Amino acid sequence: MFGEVLRHFREAAGYTQEELANKIPCDRSQVARVEAGTRVPQETFAKQCDELLATGGVLLRLWGRIDWYPEVQHPDWFERRAEMDAEAVALRAYQEQVIPGLLQTPDYAHALFSRRITNAEKVEERVRARLSRQQRFLAVNGPLYVAVLDESCLRNVVGSPAVMRDQCAHLLRVGRYANIRVQVAPADRAEVRRPKASMALITLPGGDEWLYSESLERGHFHDDPAVFARHSQTYDVLRADALSAPESAALIGDFMEGYGDHGQAPAEHGDMDQEQLQPRRRRRLHRSGAHMDEEQLQRRQRRQLHRSSPRYPRRRPRP
């Protein structure tokens, strides 16, 4: 139903699928799959289409009334974690190598599952299950979600440079939500103490706290207060040493531009790319408020020049 309505408004506005995709922006296949009913759209997708096609908000209202995941099935070993996500009041996570599931785009998740699952229907089933966990975190007044990403999450190419560019753009969008903070632990900071593996600190209603981590095809849960406190302290130190949310957004933006400009992962350029990233990062930080430090420095320099300049006696009027 949603796909048919979207197609109606798109054709009425005179857009092809590719033209609409370029304006959103996203891959043309995403628009095609949504219209065909084989891809679940995100709320932001519906909102952007409403604005571009001047529907008066029809698509967003329709999106909110559809039960997108009536028959979602998670892998047995992950079912317990999915149930916790459905109840959590706060979630703090550290992720390395790949973007965490709660922040993945449909295309990124599809490419990730396609690496190890050959059955196309099974891949789509896993993607739907993963996206179903995101809804309450991306909703208005959703639970707190803080994600610290190791820089490897941005450098490791999943799918294609185009998929990575859209994924970076998605991180920038959700990072502006009131309940979500995305931070990056940069690779060039040796002093950052990273956990030994990806982990999540989950707070449930009533104050129950769980530590979650994964090994191959298995999830590990710990509710020992001493274990949770130890890893919570490690996480808090990590978050303090990582880039701030605005600094992280600047770095993510640099990677997004790199995937668009070069069509390949910045990691493949080695040290040269780090040099190229620095000017971009400085420009973005300047726009996001880092210019305050520069202004303060200039004020101090002006005061020093004023104090060190020669003083001349003033001419006083004679009585």
Protein backbone atom coordinates (compact mmCIF):
# COMPACT_ATOMS: atom_id res chain seq x y z
CA MET A 1 0.00 0.00 0.00
CA PHE A 2 2.75 2.46 0.95
CA GLY A 3 4.66 1.66 -2.24
CA GLU A 4 1.62 2.23 -4.42
CA VAL A 5 0.87 5.58 -2.78
CA LEU A 6 4.50 6.66 -3.13
CA ARG A 7 4.54 5.71 -6.81
CA HIS A 8 1.30 7.69 -7.38
CA PHE A 9 2.71 10.89 -5.89
CA ARG A 10 6.11 10.44 -7.57
CA GLU A 11 4.60 10.06 -11.03
CA ALA A 12 2.18 12.94 -10.40
CA ALA A 13 5.16 15.15 -9.55
CA GLY A 14 6.92 14.08 -12.77
CA TYR A 15 9.90 12.38 -11.11
CA THR A 16 11.58 9.15 -12.18
CA GLN A 17 12.80 6.82 -9.45
CA GLU A 18 16.36 7.95 -10.06
CA GLU A 19 15.44 11.65 -9.91
CA LEU A 20 13.63 11.19 -6.59
CA ALA A 21 16.53 9.14 -5.22
CA ASN A 22 19.00 11.89 -6.15
CA LYS A 23 16.96 14.49 -4.29
CA ILE A 24 16.52 12.45 -1.07
CA PRO A 25 19.46 11.40 -1.54
CA CYS A 26 19.63 7.60 -1.62
CA ASP A 27 20.24 4.78 -4.08
CA ARG A 28 17.65 4.35 -6.85
CA SER A 29 17.19 0.71 -5.85
CA GLN A 30 15.90 1.83 -2.46
CA VAL A 31 13.05 3.80 -4.06
CA ALA A 32 12.33 0.87 -6.39
CA ARG A 33 12.19 -1.63 -3.53
CA VAL A 34 9.96 0.57 -1.39
CA GLU A 35 7.54 1.00 -4.29
CA ALA A 36 7.63 -2.76 -4.95
CA GLY A 37 6.87 -3.50 -1.30
CA THR A 38 10.12 -5.41 -0.68
CA ARG A 39 11.89 -2.78 1.43
CA VAL A 40 10.68 -1.22 4.68
CA PRO A 41 11.20 2.57 4.51
CA GLN A 42 12.44 4.57 7.46
CA GLU A 43 10.43 7.41 8.98
CA THR A 44 12.91 9.96 7.62
CA PHE A 45 12.41 8.54 4.11
CA ALA A 46 8.64 9.06 4.33
CA LYS A 47 9.10 12.59 5.67
CA GLN A 48 11.56 13.55 2.91
CA CYS A 49 9.26 12.16 0.20
CA ASP A 50 6.36 14.16 1.66
CA GLU A 51 8.40 17.35 1.38
CA LEU A 52 9.79 16.65 -2.10
CA LEU A 53 6.46 15.51 -3.56
CA ALA A 54 4.29 18.05 -1.70
CA THR A 55 1.88 15.39 -0.43
CA GLY A 56 0.71 17.34 2.61
CA GLY A 57 2.12 14.72 4.98
CA VAL A 58 0.17 11.76 3.58
CA LEU A 59 3.14 9.38 3.42
CA LEU A 60 4.31 10.08 6.97
CA ARG A 61 0.79 9.53 8.37
CA LEU A 62 0.48 6.31 6.40
CA TRP A 63 3.93 5.18 7.55
CA GLY A 64 2.88 5.62 11.19
CA ARG A 65 -0.23 3.46 10.78
CA ILE A 66 1.41 0.45 9.15
CA ASP A 67 2.68 -2.50 11.19
CA TRP A 68 5.94 -2.95 9.32
CA TYR A 69 7.23 -5.95 11.28
CA PRO A 70 4.31 -8.26 12.12
CA GLU A 71 6.29 -11.51 11.72
CA VAL A 72 9.89 -10.65 12.60
CA GLN A 73 12.06 -13.53 13.76
CA HIS A 74 15.51 -13.06 15.25
CA PRO A 75 18.17 -15.76 15.46
CA ASP A 76 17.61 -17.86 18.59
CA TRP A 77 20.83 -16.70 20.24
CA PHE A 78 19.91 -13.03 19.69
CA GLU A 79 16.25 -13.18 20.73
CA ARG A 80 16.99 -12.22 24.33
CA ARG A 81 18.96 -9.14 23.30
CA ALA A 82 16.16 -8.05 20.96
CA GLU A 83 13.69 -8.32 23.84
CA MET A 84 15.93 -6.09 25.96
CA ASP A 85 16.12 -3.50 23.18
CA ALA A 86 12.32 -3.44 23.15
CA GLU A 87 12.27 -2.47 26.85
CA ALA A 88 15.53 -0.60 27.50
CA VAL A 89 15.35 2.90 28.95
CA ALA A 90 19.03 3.56 28.21
CA LEU A 91 21.65 1.91 26.03
CA ARG A 92 25.36 2.73 25.91
CA ALA A 93 27.40 0.86 23.33
CA TYR A 94 30.92 0.54 21.96
CA GLN A 95 31.33 -0.92 18.49
CA GLU A 96 34.33 -1.86 16.39
CA GLN A 97 34.73 -3.02 12.77
CA VAL A 98 31.09 -2.54 11.64
CA ILE A 99 28.31 -0.01 12.32
CA PRO A 100 26.03 -1.21 15.17
CA GLY A 101 22.73 -2.73 14.10
CA LEU A 102 20.63 0.02 15.65
CA LEU A 103 22.32 2.59 13.41
CA GLN A 104 22.55 0.65 10.14
CA THR A 105 20.78 1.67 6.95
CA PRO A 106 18.79 -1.00 5.07
CA ASP A 107 21.39 -1.18 2.30
CA TYR A 108 24.27 -1.50 4.79
CA ALA A 109 22.48 -4.28 6.69
CA HIS A 110 21.63 -6.04 3.42
CA ALA A 111 25.25 -5.93 2.26
CA LEU A 112 26.48 -7.14 5.63
CA PHE A 113 24.16 -10.17 5.77
CA SER A 114 24.83 -10.99 2.11
CA ARG A 115 28.46 -11.67 2.98
CA ARG A 116 27.58 -14.90 4.78
CA ILE A 117 24.01 -15.77 3.75
CA THR A 118 23.37 -16.88 0.16
CA ASN A 119 19.59 -17.24 0.40
CA ALA A 120 18.09 -13.91 -0.72
CA GLU A 121 14.84 -14.42 1.24
CA LYS A 122 16.82 -15.21 4.37
CA VAL A 123 18.85 -12.03 3.91
CA GLU A 124 15.69 -9.91 3.61
CA GLU A 125 14.27 -11.61 6.71
CA ARG A 126 17.38 -10.76 8.72
CA VAL A 127 17.34 -7.17 7.45
CA ARG A 128 13.69 -6.72 8.47
CA ALA A 129 14.43 -8.15 11.90
CA ARG A 130 17.38 -5.81 12.39
CA LEU A 131 15.48 -2.71 11.28
CA SER A 132 12.57 -3.60 13.55
CA ARG A 133 14.80 -2.99 16.58
CA GLN A 134 15.54 0.57 15.48
CA GLN A 135 12.02 1.98 15.51
CA ARG A 136 11.66 2.88 19.18
CA PHE A 137 15.12 4.47 19.31
CA LEU A 138 14.39 6.61 16.23
CA ALA A 139 10.93 7.63 17.46
CA VAL A 140 10.15 10.91 19.22
CA ASN A 141 11.03 10.65 22.94
CA GLY A 142 12.89 7.40 22.31
CA PRO A 143 15.21 5.90 24.94
CA LEU A 144 18.73 7.23 25.41
CA TYR A 145 21.23 5.68 23.02
CA VAL A 146 24.92 6.58 23.16
CA ALA A 147 27.19 4.85 20.64
CA VAL A 148 30.97 5.16 20.58
CA LEU A 149 32.29 3.88 17.26
CA ASP A 150 35.85 2.83 16.67
CA GLU A 151 37.14 4.55 13.53
CA SER A 152 37.37 1.11 11.90
CA CYS A 153 33.56 1.18 11.60
CA LEU A 154 33.89 4.09 9.17
CA ARG A 155 36.91 2.75 7.29
CA ASN A 156 35.73 -0.82 6.65
CA VAL A 157 33.77 -0.78 3.40
CA VAL A 158 30.51 -2.72 3.53
CA GLY A 159 28.70 -3.09 0.21
CA SER A 160 30.16 -0.23 -1.82
CA PRO A 161 31.37 3.37 -1.42
CA ALA A 162 27.81 4.52 -2.23
CA VAL A 163 26.42 2.38 0.60
CA MET A 164 29.06 3.78 2.96
CA ARG A 165 28.28 7.35 1.94
CA ASP A 166 24.58 6.83 2.67
CA GLN A 167 25.50 5.15 5.96
CA CYS A 168 27.63 8.12 7.02
CA ALA A 169 24.81 10.49 6.07
CA HIS A 170 22.43 8.42 8.20
CA LEU A 171 24.79 8.66 11.20
CA LEU A 172 24.83 12.44 10.82
CA ARG A 173 21.02 12.55 10.70
CA VAL A 174 20.32 10.35 13.72
CA GLY A 175 23.15 12.01 15.66
CA ARG A 176 20.99 15.13 15.75
CA TYR A 177 18.14 13.32 17.55
CA ALA A 178 17.62 14.49 21.12
CA ASN A 179 18.04 10.96 22.53
CA ILE A 180 20.98 9.78 20.39
CA ARG A 181 24.67 10.64 20.59
CA VAL A 182 27.26 9.23 18.18
CA GLN A 183 30.95 9.58 19.05
CA VAL A 184 34.07 8.25 17.34
CA ALA A 185 37.24 6.88 18.93
CA PRO A 186 39.84 8.01 16.36
CA ALA A 187 42.58 5.68 15.21
CA ASP A 188 45.35 8.26 15.64
CA ARG A 189 44.87 8.66 19.40
CA ALA A 190 47.08 6.07 21.06
CA GLU A 191 46.02 7.21 24.53
CA VAL A 192 42.40 6.12 24.00
CA ARG A 193 41.76 2.95 26.03
CA ARG A 194 39.41 0.83 23.95
CA PRO A 195 37.49 -2.17 25.33
CA LYS A 196 38.73 -5.54 24.13
CA ALA A 197 35.54 -6.14 22.14
CA SER A 198 32.26 -4.55 21.18
CA MET A 199 29.83 -4.31 24.08
CA ALA A 200 26.56 -2.78 25.22
CA LEU A 201 25.50 -1.51 28.65
CA ILE A 202 21.72 -1.93 28.92
CA THR A 203 19.50 -0.32 31.57
CA LEU A 204 16.00 -1.80 31.87
CA PRO A 205 12.88 -0.44 33.59
CA GLY A 206 13.19 -0.85 37.33
CA GLY A 207 16.94 -0.25 37.26
CA ASP A 208 18.15 -3.70 36.16
CA GLU A 209 21.51 -3.39 34.39
CA TRP A 210 23.06 -5.84 31.94
CA LEU A 211 26.36 -6.09 30.11
CA TYR A 212 26.06 -7.63 26.64
CA SER A 213 28.87 -8.82 24.36
CA GLU A 214 29.19 -11.27 21.48
CA SER A 215 31.41 -14.04 20.23
CA LEU A 216 30.88 -16.04 17.03
CA GLU A 217 27.18 -16.92 16.81
CA ARG A 218 26.58 -16.34 20.51
CA GLY A 219 25.58 -13.54 22.85
CA HIS A 220 26.87 -13.18 26.41
CA PHE A 221 24.85 -11.54 29.22
CA HIS A 222 26.14 -10.47 32.64
CA ASP A 223 24.09 -8.89 35.42
CA ASP A 224 26.74 -9.11 38.14
CA PRO A 225 26.85 -5.56 39.63
CA ALA A 226 30.64 -5.71 40.00
CA VAL A 227 31.12 -6.74 36.35
CA PHE A 228 28.71 -4.07 35.12
CA ALA A 229 30.36 -1.37 37.25
CA ARG A 230 33.83 -2.27 35.97
CA HIS A 231 32.85 -2.12 32.32
CA SER A 232 30.70 0.97 32.90
CA GLN A 233 33.75 2.80 34.24
CA THR A 234 35.80 1.66 31.23
CA TYR A 235 33.08 2.96 28.94
CA ASP A 236 32.82 6.33 30.67
CA VAL A 237 36.59 6.84 30.37
CA LEU A 238 36.45 5.82 26.70
CA ARG A 239 33.64 8.26 26.00
CA ALA A 240 35.53 11.08 27.71
CA ASP A 241 38.67 10.40 25.65
CA ALA A 242 36.83 9.94 22.33
CA LEU A 243 35.91 12.81 20.04
CA SER A 244 32.96 14.88 21.19
CA ALA A 245 29.67 14.55 19.29
CA PRO A 246 30.33 17.68 17.14
CA GLU A 247 33.94 16.60 16.46
CA SER A 248 32.70 13.11 15.58
CA ALA A 249 30.13 14.56 13.19
CA ALA A 250 32.95 16.47 11.47
CA LEU A 251 34.99 13.29 11.06
CA ILE A 252 31.99 11.30 9.81
CA GLY A 253 31.32 14.10 7.32
CA ASP A 254 34.90 13.85 6.10
CA PHE A 255 34.47 10.13 5.47
CA MET A 256 31.14 10.75 3.72
CA GLU A 257 32.81 13.25 1.39
CA GLY A 258 35.71 10.85 0.81
CA TYR A 259 33.40 8.04 -0.25
CA GLY A 260 31.62 10.41 -2.60
CA ASP A 261 34.71 12.15 -4.01
CA HIS A 262 37.03 9.19 -4.45
CA GLY A 263 34.63 6.27 -4.71
CA GLN A 264 36.75 4.28 -2.28
CA ALA A 265 37.49 4.00 1.43
CA PRO A 266 39.77 6.69 2.83
CA ALA A 267 41.77 3.89 4.50
CA GLU A 268 43.14 2.90 1.10
CA HIS A 269 44.93 6.23 0.81
CA GLY A 270 47.04 5.66 3.94
CA ASP A 271 48.71 8.63 5.62
CA MET A 272 48.00 10.92 2.67
CA ASP A 273 44.29 10.73 3.43
CA GLN A 274 44.86 11.75 7.03
CA GLU A 275 46.57 14.87 5.70
CA GLN A 276 43.67 15.53 3.37
CA LEU A 277 41.14 14.98 6.14
CA GLN A 278 42.68 17.52 8.50
CA PRO A 279 41.79 20.70 6.53
CA ARG A 280 38.22 19.46 6.05
CA ARG A 281 37.95 18.63 9.73
CA ARG A 282 39.19 22.08 10.72
CA ARG A 283 36.65 23.74 8.42
CA ARG A 284 33.80 21.68 9.83
CA LEU A 285 34.83 22.27 13.43
CA HIS A 286 35.08 25.97 12.68
CA ARG A 287 31.51 25.98 11.44
CA SER A 288 30.27 23.91 14.39
CA GLY A 289 31.63 26.26 17.04
CA ALA A 290 35.34 25.58 17.31
CA HIS A 291 35.99 29.11 16.07
CA MET A 292 35.42 30.27 19.65
CA ASP A 293 38.94 29.15 20.55
CA GLU A 294 40.36 31.15 17.64
CA GLU A 295 38.47 34.27 18.70
CA GLN A 296 39.73 33.92 22.28
CA LEU A 297 43.29 33.52 20.99
CA GLN A 298 42.97 36.64 18.87
CA ARG A 299 41.69 38.61 21.85
CA ARG A 300 44.65 37.48 23.96
CA GLN A 301 47.05 38.47 21.16
CA ARG A 302 45.45 41.90 20.86
CA ARG A 303 45.75 42.43 24.61
CA GLN A 304 49.43 41.40 24.52
CA LEU A 305 50.11 43.76 21.63
CA HIS A 306 48.34 46.54 23.48
CA ARG A 307 50.40 45.96 26.64
CA SER A 308 53.70 45.73 24.74
CA SER A 309 53.12 48.80 22.54
CA PRO A 310 54.97 52.02 23.48
CA ARG A 311 53.07 54.53 25.61
CA TYR A 312 53.18 58.24 24.85
CA PRO A 313 52.23 60.95 27.32
CA ARG A 314 48.97 62.64 26.56
CA ARG A 315 48.87 66.37 25.98
CA ARG A 316 46.90 67.90 28.78
CA PRO A 317 45.15 71.24 28.22
CA ARG A 318 46.79 74.10 30.09
CA PRO A 319 44.68 75.91 32.65
